[in-house]
N, C-alpha and C. Protein backbone atom coordinates (compact mmCIF):
# COMPACT_ATOMS: atom_id res chain seq x y z
N MET A 1 134.32 -53.41 -51.13
CA MET A 1 134.11 -52.95 -49.77
C MET A 1 134.69 -51.55 -49.63
N THR A 2 133.91 -50.62 -49.17
CA THR A 2 134.38 -49.27 -48.93
C THR A 2 135.05 -49.22 -47.58
N VAL A 3 136.25 -48.70 -47.53
CA VAL A 3 137.00 -48.61 -46.29
C VAL A 3 136.74 -47.27 -45.62
N SER A 4 136.68 -46.22 -46.41
CA SER A 4 136.55 -44.88 -45.88
C SER A 4 135.82 -44.02 -46.89
N ALA A 5 135.07 -43.05 -46.39
CA ALA A 5 134.44 -42.09 -47.29
C ALA A 5 134.67 -40.69 -46.73
N ARG A 6 135.05 -39.77 -47.56
CA ARG A 6 135.35 -38.40 -47.13
C ARG A 6 135.04 -37.47 -48.30
N ARG A 7 134.18 -36.49 -48.07
CA ARG A 7 133.88 -35.46 -49.07
C ARG A 7 133.64 -36.02 -50.47
N GLY A 8 132.81 -37.05 -50.58
CA GLY A 8 132.50 -37.61 -51.89
C GLY A 8 133.55 -38.56 -52.42
N VAL A 9 134.57 -38.84 -51.63
CA VAL A 9 135.63 -39.77 -52.03
C VAL A 9 135.44 -41.06 -51.23
N ARG A 10 135.41 -42.17 -51.94
CA ARG A 10 135.33 -43.48 -51.31
C ARG A 10 136.67 -44.17 -51.48
N VAL A 11 137.11 -44.88 -50.47
CA VAL A 11 138.37 -45.61 -50.54
C VAL A 11 138.07 -47.08 -50.31
N ARG A 12 138.69 -47.90 -51.14
CA ARG A 12 138.52 -49.35 -50.99
C ARG A 12 139.86 -50.03 -51.21
N ALA A 13 139.97 -51.23 -50.65
CA ALA A 13 141.17 -52.02 -50.87
C ALA A 13 141.18 -52.50 -52.31
N ALA A 14 142.32 -52.41 -52.95
CA ALA A 14 142.46 -52.91 -54.33
C ALA A 14 142.62 -54.43 -54.28
N GLY A 15 142.19 -55.06 -55.34
CA GLY A 15 142.34 -56.50 -55.48
C GLY A 15 142.96 -56.84 -56.82
N PRO A 16 143.19 -58.12 -57.07
CA PRO A 16 143.81 -58.54 -58.33
C PRO A 16 143.11 -58.00 -59.58
N ALA A 17 141.80 -57.83 -59.53
CA ALA A 17 141.07 -57.32 -60.69
C ALA A 17 141.42 -55.86 -61.00
N ASP A 18 142.06 -55.18 -60.05
CA ASP A 18 142.44 -53.77 -60.22
C ASP A 18 143.86 -53.60 -60.74
N LEU A 19 144.52 -54.68 -61.13
CA LEU A 19 145.93 -54.62 -61.51
C LEU A 19 146.21 -53.56 -62.56
N SER A 20 145.42 -53.47 -63.61
CA SER A 20 145.68 -52.48 -64.66
C SER A 20 145.62 -51.05 -64.13
N LEU A 21 144.66 -50.77 -63.26
CA LEU A 21 144.56 -49.44 -62.65
C LEU A 21 145.76 -49.15 -61.76
N VAL A 22 146.19 -50.14 -60.99
CA VAL A 22 147.34 -49.96 -60.10
C VAL A 22 148.58 -49.65 -60.93
N VAL A 23 148.79 -50.39 -62.01
CA VAL A 23 149.94 -50.15 -62.89
C VAL A 23 149.86 -48.73 -63.46
N GLU A 24 148.70 -48.36 -63.97
CA GLU A 24 148.53 -47.03 -64.57
C GLU A 24 148.85 -45.91 -63.58
N LEU A 25 148.29 -46.00 -62.38
CA LEU A 25 148.47 -44.93 -61.40
C LEU A 25 149.90 -44.87 -60.87
N ARG A 26 150.50 -46.02 -60.63
CA ARG A 26 151.86 -46.00 -60.08
C ARG A 26 152.88 -45.57 -61.12
N LEU A 27 152.66 -45.89 -62.38
CA LEU A 27 153.56 -45.39 -63.43
C LEU A 27 153.35 -43.88 -63.64
N ALA A 28 152.12 -43.41 -63.50
CA ALA A 28 151.86 -41.96 -63.59
C ALA A 28 152.61 -41.22 -62.49
N LEU A 29 152.66 -41.80 -61.30
CA LEU A 29 153.40 -41.20 -60.20
C LEU A 29 154.89 -41.10 -60.55
N LEU A 30 155.46 -42.17 -61.05
CA LEU A 30 156.88 -42.16 -61.42
C LEU A 30 157.16 -41.13 -62.51
N ARG A 31 156.28 -41.06 -63.50
CA ARG A 31 156.48 -40.09 -64.59
C ARG A 31 156.35 -38.65 -64.09
N GLU A 32 155.46 -38.44 -63.14
CA GLU A 32 155.29 -37.08 -62.60
C GLU A 32 156.56 -36.61 -61.91
N HIS A 33 157.31 -37.52 -61.33
CA HIS A 33 158.55 -37.18 -60.64
C HIS A 33 159.76 -37.53 -61.49
N GLY A 34 159.61 -37.43 -62.80
CA GLY A 34 160.65 -37.80 -63.75
C GLY A 34 161.92 -36.98 -63.67
N LYS A 35 161.89 -35.86 -62.99
CA LYS A 35 163.12 -35.06 -62.84
C LYS A 35 163.90 -35.47 -61.58
N SER A 36 163.30 -36.28 -60.75
CA SER A 36 163.99 -36.75 -59.54
C SER A 36 165.10 -37.71 -59.93
N PRO A 37 166.27 -37.59 -59.29
CA PRO A 37 167.36 -38.52 -59.61
C PRO A 37 166.99 -39.99 -59.38
N LEU A 38 166.05 -40.25 -58.50
CA LEU A 38 165.65 -41.63 -58.24
C LEU A 38 164.70 -42.18 -59.29
N TYR A 39 163.90 -41.32 -59.90
CA TYR A 39 162.85 -41.81 -60.80
C TYR A 39 163.06 -41.43 -62.26
N ALA A 40 164.12 -40.70 -62.56
CA ALA A 40 164.36 -40.22 -63.92
C ALA A 40 164.77 -41.34 -64.87
N ARG A 41 165.16 -42.47 -64.34
CA ARG A 41 165.67 -43.56 -65.18
C ARG A 41 164.66 -44.68 -65.32
N LEU A 42 163.44 -44.34 -65.61
CA LEU A 42 162.38 -45.34 -65.76
C LEU A 42 162.74 -46.30 -66.90
N ARG A 43 162.73 -47.58 -66.62
CA ARG A 43 163.09 -48.59 -67.60
C ARG A 43 162.06 -48.64 -68.73
N LEU A 44 162.51 -49.02 -69.92
CA LEU A 44 161.59 -49.16 -71.05
C LEU A 44 160.57 -50.26 -70.80
N ASP A 45 160.98 -51.30 -70.09
CA ASP A 45 160.07 -52.41 -69.82
C ASP A 45 159.35 -52.25 -68.47
N ALA A 46 159.30 -51.03 -67.94
CA ALA A 46 158.67 -50.78 -66.65
C ALA A 46 157.22 -51.27 -66.59
N PRO A 47 156.39 -51.08 -67.61
CA PRO A 47 155.01 -51.58 -67.50
C PRO A 47 154.94 -53.10 -67.29
N ASP A 48 155.79 -53.86 -68.00
CA ASP A 48 155.79 -55.31 -67.82
C ASP A 48 156.27 -55.69 -66.42
N ARG A 49 157.35 -55.05 -65.98
CA ARG A 49 157.87 -55.32 -64.65
C ARG A 49 156.83 -54.93 -63.59
N ALA A 50 156.15 -53.81 -63.82
CA ALA A 50 155.15 -53.32 -62.87
C ALA A 50 154.01 -54.33 -62.71
N ARG A 51 153.56 -54.90 -63.79
CA ARG A 51 152.46 -55.88 -63.71
C ARG A 51 152.85 -57.04 -62.81
N ARG A 52 154.05 -57.56 -62.97
CA ARG A 52 154.49 -58.70 -62.14
C ARG A 52 154.64 -58.28 -60.68
N LEU A 53 155.29 -57.15 -60.46
CA LEU A 53 155.53 -56.68 -59.10
C LEU A 53 154.23 -56.36 -58.38
N PHE A 54 153.36 -55.60 -59.02
CA PHE A 54 152.14 -55.16 -58.36
C PHE A 54 151.15 -56.31 -58.20
N ALA A 55 151.17 -57.29 -59.09
CA ALA A 55 150.31 -58.48 -58.91
C ALA A 55 150.67 -59.17 -57.62
N ALA A 56 151.97 -59.29 -57.33
CA ALA A 56 152.40 -59.91 -56.07
C ALA A 56 152.01 -59.05 -54.87
N GLN A 57 152.14 -57.73 -54.99
CA GLN A 57 151.79 -56.85 -53.88
C GLN A 57 150.30 -56.92 -53.56
N LEU A 58 149.47 -57.06 -54.59
CA LEU A 58 148.02 -57.10 -54.38
C LEU A 58 147.57 -58.33 -53.61
N THR A 59 148.38 -59.36 -53.56
CA THR A 59 148.00 -60.58 -52.84
C THR A 59 148.84 -60.81 -51.59
N SER A 60 149.74 -59.89 -51.28
CA SER A 60 150.60 -60.04 -50.11
C SER A 60 149.81 -59.86 -48.82
N PRO A 61 150.04 -60.74 -47.83
CA PRO A 61 149.34 -60.60 -46.55
C PRO A 61 149.89 -59.47 -45.67
N THR A 62 151.05 -58.90 -46.03
CA THR A 62 151.65 -57.86 -45.20
C THR A 62 151.58 -56.47 -45.83
N GLU A 63 150.77 -56.32 -46.85
CA GLU A 63 150.59 -54.99 -47.43
C GLU A 63 149.20 -54.85 -48.01
N ARG A 64 148.82 -53.59 -48.19
CA ARG A 64 147.51 -53.29 -48.75
C ARG A 64 147.66 -52.09 -49.66
N ILE A 65 147.01 -52.18 -50.80
CA ILE A 65 146.92 -51.06 -51.73
C ILE A 65 145.48 -50.57 -51.68
N PHE A 66 145.31 -49.28 -51.51
CA PHE A 66 143.99 -48.67 -51.47
C PHE A 66 143.79 -47.79 -52.69
N LEU A 67 142.56 -47.76 -53.18
CA LEU A 67 142.18 -46.90 -54.30
C LEU A 67 141.12 -45.91 -53.83
N ALA A 68 141.26 -44.66 -54.25
CA ALA A 68 140.26 -43.63 -53.97
C ALA A 68 139.42 -43.44 -55.22
N GLU A 69 138.11 -43.35 -55.02
CA GLU A 69 137.17 -43.16 -56.13
C GLU A 69 136.24 -42.00 -55.83
N ASP A 70 135.85 -41.31 -56.88
CA ASP A 70 134.78 -40.33 -56.77
C ASP A 70 133.86 -40.55 -57.97
N GLU A 71 133.03 -39.57 -58.27
CA GLU A 71 132.07 -39.75 -59.37
C GLU A 71 132.76 -39.94 -60.72
N ARG A 72 134.03 -39.57 -60.83
CA ARG A 72 134.77 -39.74 -62.09
C ARG A 72 135.40 -41.12 -62.23
N GLY A 73 135.44 -41.87 -61.15
CA GLY A 73 136.10 -43.18 -61.15
C GLY A 73 137.28 -43.17 -60.19
N VAL A 74 138.26 -44.02 -60.43
CA VAL A 74 139.43 -44.11 -59.56
C VAL A 74 140.32 -42.89 -59.79
N VAL A 75 140.61 -42.17 -58.69
CA VAL A 75 141.39 -40.94 -58.79
C VAL A 75 142.69 -40.98 -58.00
N GLY A 76 142.90 -42.01 -57.19
CA GLY A 76 144.11 -42.03 -56.39
C GLY A 76 144.45 -43.40 -55.85
N ILE A 77 145.68 -43.51 -55.35
CA ILE A 77 146.21 -44.78 -54.86
C ILE A 77 147.18 -44.51 -53.71
N ILE A 78 147.28 -45.48 -52.82
CA ILE A 78 148.32 -45.48 -51.78
C ILE A 78 148.61 -46.93 -51.43
N ARG A 79 149.85 -47.19 -51.08
CA ARG A 79 150.27 -48.54 -50.68
C ARG A 79 150.80 -48.46 -49.25
N CYS A 80 150.45 -49.43 -48.44
CA CYS A 80 150.92 -49.48 -47.07
C CYS A 80 151.45 -50.88 -46.79
N VAL A 81 152.65 -50.95 -46.24
CA VAL A 81 153.33 -52.22 -45.98
C VAL A 81 153.67 -52.33 -44.51
N GLU A 82 153.38 -53.47 -43.92
CA GLU A 82 153.85 -53.72 -42.55
C GLU A 82 155.34 -54.00 -42.63
N SER A 83 156.14 -53.14 -42.02
CA SER A 83 157.60 -53.23 -42.13
C SER A 83 158.22 -53.52 -40.78
N ILE A 84 159.41 -54.09 -40.83
CA ILE A 84 160.15 -54.42 -39.62
C ILE A 84 161.29 -53.42 -39.48
N GLY A 85 161.37 -52.80 -38.33
CA GLY A 85 162.41 -51.82 -38.09
C GLY A 85 163.66 -52.46 -37.51
N SER A 86 164.55 -51.63 -37.08
CA SER A 86 165.78 -52.08 -36.44
C SER A 86 165.44 -52.80 -35.14
N PRO A 87 166.12 -53.90 -34.85
CA PRO A 87 165.86 -54.58 -33.58
C PRO A 87 166.37 -53.80 -32.37
N LEU A 88 167.05 -52.68 -32.62
CA LEU A 88 167.64 -51.90 -31.54
C LEU A 88 166.77 -50.74 -31.08
N VAL A 89 165.74 -50.40 -31.86
CA VAL A 89 164.89 -49.26 -31.49
C VAL A 89 163.42 -49.64 -31.65
N ASP A 90 162.59 -48.93 -30.93
CA ASP A 90 161.14 -49.12 -31.05
C ASP A 90 160.60 -48.09 -32.02
N PRO A 91 159.53 -48.36 -32.71
CA PRO A 91 158.77 -49.60 -32.67
C PRO A 91 159.44 -50.69 -33.53
N GLN A 92 159.18 -51.92 -33.17
CA GLN A 92 159.75 -53.03 -33.93
C GLN A 92 159.08 -53.17 -35.29
N ARG A 93 157.79 -52.81 -35.37
CA ARG A 93 157.04 -52.89 -36.62
C ARG A 93 156.37 -51.54 -36.86
N TYR A 94 156.25 -51.16 -38.12
CA TYR A 94 155.59 -49.90 -38.46
C TYR A 94 154.97 -50.03 -39.85
N GLY A 95 154.09 -49.12 -40.18
CA GLY A 95 153.51 -49.07 -41.52
C GLY A 95 154.35 -48.17 -42.41
N TYR A 96 154.73 -48.69 -43.55
CA TYR A 96 155.49 -47.88 -44.51
C TYR A 96 154.55 -47.53 -45.66
N VAL A 97 154.33 -46.24 -45.86
CA VAL A 97 153.42 -45.74 -46.89
C VAL A 97 154.25 -45.38 -48.12
N SER A 98 153.78 -45.81 -49.28
CA SER A 98 154.46 -45.46 -50.52
C SER A 98 153.44 -45.35 -51.65
N SER A 99 153.92 -44.91 -52.77
CA SER A 99 153.12 -44.85 -54.00
C SER A 99 151.85 -44.05 -53.85
N ALA A 100 151.88 -43.02 -53.02
CA ALA A 100 150.70 -42.17 -52.87
C ALA A 100 150.61 -41.26 -54.09
N TYR A 101 149.47 -41.31 -54.75
CA TYR A 101 149.28 -40.52 -55.97
C TYR A 101 147.80 -40.21 -56.15
N VAL A 102 147.53 -38.97 -56.48
CA VAL A 102 146.17 -38.54 -56.82
C VAL A 102 146.26 -37.86 -58.18
N ARG A 103 145.38 -38.23 -59.07
CA ARG A 103 145.37 -37.62 -60.41
C ARG A 103 145.29 -36.09 -60.26
N PRO A 104 146.02 -35.35 -61.09
CA PRO A 104 146.06 -33.88 -60.95
C PRO A 104 144.68 -33.23 -60.89
N GLU A 105 143.74 -33.69 -61.70
CA GLU A 105 142.41 -33.06 -61.73
C GLU A 105 141.59 -33.34 -60.47
N ALA A 106 142.04 -34.27 -59.63
CA ALA A 106 141.30 -34.63 -58.42
C ALA A 106 142.00 -34.14 -57.14
N ARG A 107 143.06 -33.40 -57.28
CA ARG A 107 143.80 -32.94 -56.10
C ARG A 107 143.07 -31.84 -55.35
N ARG A 108 143.39 -31.76 -54.06
CA ARG A 108 142.81 -30.75 -53.15
C ARG A 108 141.31 -30.94 -52.97
N GLN A 109 140.86 -32.20 -53.09
CA GLN A 109 139.45 -32.50 -52.90
C GLN A 109 139.24 -33.62 -51.87
N GLY A 110 140.28 -33.95 -51.11
CA GLY A 110 140.14 -34.90 -50.03
C GLY A 110 140.57 -36.32 -50.32
N ALA A 111 141.01 -36.60 -51.55
CA ALA A 111 141.38 -37.97 -51.90
C ALA A 111 142.61 -38.45 -51.13
N LEU A 112 143.65 -37.64 -51.06
CA LEU A 112 144.86 -38.06 -50.35
C LEU A 112 144.57 -38.27 -48.87
N ARG A 113 143.83 -37.36 -48.28
CA ARG A 113 143.47 -37.51 -46.86
C ARG A 113 142.68 -38.80 -46.64
N ALA A 114 141.74 -39.10 -47.52
CA ALA A 114 140.95 -40.33 -47.39
C ALA A 114 141.84 -41.56 -47.53
N LEU A 115 142.80 -41.52 -48.46
CA LEU A 115 143.73 -42.64 -48.63
C LEU A 115 144.60 -42.83 -47.39
N VAL A 116 145.12 -41.73 -46.84
CA VAL A 116 145.94 -41.82 -45.63
C VAL A 116 145.10 -42.33 -44.46
N ASP A 117 143.86 -41.87 -44.35
CA ASP A 117 142.97 -42.38 -43.29
C ASP A 117 142.79 -43.89 -43.41
N ALA A 118 142.63 -44.38 -44.63
CA ALA A 118 142.48 -45.84 -44.83
C ALA A 118 143.75 -46.57 -44.44
N ALA A 119 144.91 -46.02 -44.82
CA ALA A 119 146.19 -46.63 -44.44
C ALA A 119 146.36 -46.62 -42.93
N ARG A 120 145.99 -45.52 -42.27
CA ARG A 120 146.07 -45.45 -40.80
C ARG A 120 145.18 -46.51 -40.16
N GLY A 121 143.98 -46.66 -40.70
CA GLY A 121 143.07 -47.67 -40.16
C GLY A 121 143.64 -49.07 -40.31
N TRP A 122 144.21 -49.36 -41.46
CA TRP A 122 144.82 -50.68 -41.70
C TRP A 122 145.96 -50.91 -40.72
N CYS A 123 146.80 -49.88 -40.52
CA CYS A 123 147.90 -49.99 -39.56
C CYS A 123 147.38 -50.24 -38.15
N ALA A 124 146.35 -49.51 -37.76
CA ALA A 124 145.78 -49.67 -36.42
C ALA A 124 145.24 -51.09 -36.23
N GLU A 125 144.56 -51.63 -37.24
CA GLU A 125 144.05 -53.01 -37.16
C GLU A 125 145.17 -54.01 -36.94
N ARG A 126 146.34 -53.73 -37.45
CA ARG A 126 147.49 -54.63 -37.33
C ARG A 126 148.32 -54.35 -36.08
N GLY A 127 147.90 -53.39 -35.27
CA GLY A 127 148.62 -53.07 -34.05
C GLY A 127 149.87 -52.24 -34.28
N LEU A 128 149.95 -51.59 -35.43
CA LEU A 128 151.10 -50.74 -35.73
C LEU A 128 150.86 -49.36 -35.15
N GLU A 129 151.88 -48.77 -34.56
CA GLU A 129 151.73 -47.49 -33.88
C GLU A 129 152.26 -46.30 -34.66
N GLU A 130 152.86 -46.56 -35.82
CA GLU A 130 153.53 -45.48 -36.53
C GLU A 130 153.51 -45.77 -38.03
N MET A 131 153.42 -44.68 -38.82
CA MET A 131 153.55 -44.79 -40.27
C MET A 131 154.74 -43.93 -40.69
N ARG A 132 155.45 -44.42 -41.70
CA ARG A 132 156.60 -43.69 -42.24
C ARG A 132 156.46 -43.61 -43.76
N LEU A 133 157.13 -42.65 -44.35
CA LEU A 133 157.15 -42.54 -45.80
C LEU A 133 158.36 -41.76 -46.24
N HIS A 134 158.74 -41.93 -47.49
CA HIS A 134 159.73 -41.09 -48.15
C HIS A 134 158.96 -40.18 -49.09
N SER A 135 159.38 -38.94 -49.21
CA SER A 135 158.74 -38.04 -50.16
C SER A 135 159.82 -37.39 -51.01
N VAL A 136 159.41 -36.91 -52.16
CA VAL A 136 160.36 -36.29 -53.10
C VAL A 136 160.77 -34.92 -52.56
N ALA A 137 162.07 -34.70 -52.49
CA ALA A 137 162.60 -33.43 -51.99
C ALA A 137 162.30 -32.31 -52.99
N GLY A 138 162.16 -31.11 -52.46
CA GLY A 138 162.01 -29.94 -53.33
C GLY A 138 160.64 -29.77 -53.95
N ASP A 139 159.64 -30.40 -53.40
CA ASP A 139 158.28 -30.26 -53.91
C ASP A 139 157.43 -29.62 -52.81
N PRO A 140 157.33 -28.29 -52.80
CA PRO A 140 156.62 -27.60 -51.71
C PRO A 140 155.17 -28.05 -51.52
N ALA A 141 154.44 -28.30 -52.60
CA ALA A 141 153.04 -28.71 -52.47
C ALA A 141 152.95 -30.08 -51.80
N SER A 142 153.81 -30.99 -52.21
CA SER A 142 153.82 -32.32 -51.61
C SER A 142 154.20 -32.25 -50.14
N ASN A 143 155.23 -31.47 -49.82
CA ASN A 143 155.66 -31.33 -48.43
C ASN A 143 154.54 -30.73 -47.57
N ALA A 144 153.85 -29.74 -48.09
CA ALA A 144 152.74 -29.13 -47.35
C ALA A 144 151.62 -30.14 -47.12
N ALA A 145 151.34 -30.96 -48.12
CA ALA A 145 150.29 -31.97 -47.97
C ALA A 145 150.65 -32.97 -46.88
N TRP A 146 151.90 -33.47 -46.90
CA TRP A 146 152.31 -34.45 -45.88
C TRP A 146 152.32 -33.81 -44.50
N ASP A 147 152.75 -32.55 -44.39
CA ASP A 147 152.71 -31.85 -43.10
C ASP A 147 151.28 -31.78 -42.59
N ALA A 148 150.34 -31.41 -43.47
CA ALA A 148 148.94 -31.27 -43.08
C ALA A 148 148.33 -32.61 -42.65
N LEU A 149 148.91 -33.70 -43.14
CA LEU A 149 148.39 -35.03 -42.79
C LEU A 149 149.09 -35.61 -41.56
N GLY A 150 149.93 -34.81 -40.89
CA GLY A 150 150.52 -35.23 -39.64
C GLY A 150 151.89 -35.88 -39.73
N PHE A 151 152.52 -35.85 -40.90
CA PHE A 151 153.85 -36.42 -41.06
C PHE A 151 154.88 -35.32 -40.84
N THR A 152 155.95 -35.65 -40.14
CA THR A 152 157.03 -34.69 -39.92
C THR A 152 158.33 -35.27 -40.50
N VAL A 153 159.22 -34.38 -40.90
CA VAL A 153 160.51 -34.81 -41.43
C VAL A 153 161.38 -35.22 -40.25
N VAL A 154 161.91 -36.45 -40.31
CA VAL A 154 162.77 -36.94 -39.23
C VAL A 154 164.16 -37.33 -39.71
N GLU A 155 164.33 -37.49 -41.00
CA GLU A 155 165.66 -37.72 -41.56
C GLU A 155 165.61 -37.40 -43.04
N GLN A 156 166.76 -37.34 -43.67
CA GLN A 156 166.83 -37.07 -45.10
C GLN A 156 167.52 -38.23 -45.79
N MET A 157 167.11 -38.51 -47.01
CA MET A 157 167.79 -39.50 -47.83
C MET A 157 168.71 -38.74 -48.77
N ARG A 158 169.91 -39.24 -48.92
CA ARG A 158 170.87 -38.61 -49.83
C ARG A 158 171.32 -39.63 -50.86
N LEU A 159 171.78 -39.15 -51.99
CA LEU A 159 172.17 -40.00 -53.11
C LEU A 159 173.55 -39.59 -53.58
N ALA A 160 174.42 -40.57 -53.79
CA ALA A 160 175.75 -40.30 -54.34
C ALA A 160 176.07 -41.37 -55.37
N PRO A 161 176.59 -40.98 -56.52
CA PRO A 161 176.97 -41.99 -57.52
C PRO A 161 178.20 -42.76 -57.06
N VAL A 162 178.32 -43.97 -57.54
CA VAL A 162 179.49 -44.81 -57.27
C VAL A 162 180.18 -45.02 -58.60
N GLU A 163 181.46 -44.68 -58.64
CA GLU A 163 182.21 -44.85 -59.89
C GLU A 163 182.44 -46.32 -60.16
N ALA A 164 182.30 -46.71 -61.40
CA ALA A 164 182.51 -48.10 -61.78
C ALA A 164 183.99 -48.45 -61.65
N ARG A 165 184.24 -49.61 -61.09
CA ARG A 165 185.60 -50.12 -60.93
C ARG A 165 185.60 -51.58 -61.33
N ALA A 166 186.79 -52.09 -61.58
CA ALA A 166 186.92 -53.51 -61.88
C ALA A 166 186.49 -54.29 -60.64
N PRO A 167 185.81 -55.42 -60.82
CA PRO A 167 185.38 -56.20 -59.66
C PRO A 167 186.58 -56.68 -58.85
N ALA A 168 186.40 -56.72 -57.55
CA ALA A 168 187.46 -57.20 -56.65
C ALA A 168 187.56 -58.72 -56.77
N PRO A 169 188.76 -59.26 -56.61
CA PRO A 169 188.90 -60.72 -56.66
C PRO A 169 188.20 -61.35 -55.46
N PRO A 170 187.77 -62.59 -55.57
CA PRO A 170 187.13 -63.26 -54.43
C PRO A 170 188.07 -63.28 -53.23
N ALA A 171 187.52 -63.28 -52.04
CA ALA A 171 188.31 -63.27 -50.81
C ALA A 171 189.28 -64.43 -50.79
N GLY A 172 190.50 -64.16 -50.35
CA GLY A 172 191.49 -65.21 -50.23
C GLY A 172 192.27 -65.47 -51.49
N ARG A 173 191.95 -64.79 -52.60
CA ARG A 173 192.67 -64.98 -53.86
C ARG A 173 193.31 -63.69 -54.28
N THR A 174 194.49 -63.78 -54.81
CA THR A 174 195.15 -62.58 -55.31
C THR A 174 195.05 -62.57 -56.83
N PRO A 175 194.85 -61.41 -57.39
CA PRO A 175 194.71 -61.35 -58.86
C PRO A 175 196.04 -61.67 -59.54
N ARG A 176 195.96 -62.32 -60.68
CA ARG A 176 197.16 -62.62 -61.47
C ARG A 176 197.52 -61.40 -62.30
N THR A 177 198.80 -61.19 -62.45
CA THR A 177 199.26 -60.13 -63.34
C THR A 177 200.11 -60.75 -64.42
N ARG A 178 200.08 -60.15 -65.59
CA ARG A 178 200.92 -60.63 -66.70
C ARG A 178 202.27 -59.95 -66.65
N SER A 179 203.29 -60.69 -66.92
CA SER A 179 204.63 -60.10 -66.94
C SER A 179 205.10 -59.92 -68.35
């Protein structure tokens, strides 16, 4: 089923039969951002883990993975999840967009816009009023693309290492010391 068509790009919901493509595209995204502190530590068994994880995502009732296709075949992917926000602020539910990736040779040809349009449509069908995403810092082309698609920066994610320490004793117990 085609969800959206834009400038020769067709977007459709991915299904279980697309698992290999989903794994390929999402691992390509991680590798492309291999210098990012969050993605630089790709596990050796990532492809096996990805198959299990993405198989579950493809059948989840609260998320949708979309694939963009053109005459060359599948050129892009995006994932959208119905998420629950803080009970203290509105909206209570929103669409969380992740894993947006377009193959380098297909960029700047409307695939990302078509994928975002499909995600927006899915969110609207679910009564969601807002979409959110995290993007990799320091990537001017990516930031410009998200700006052009109507996303604005509203907060920043920061990362700090935690030094390894000996585990704390269980609550209510004091550690034994040797004399």
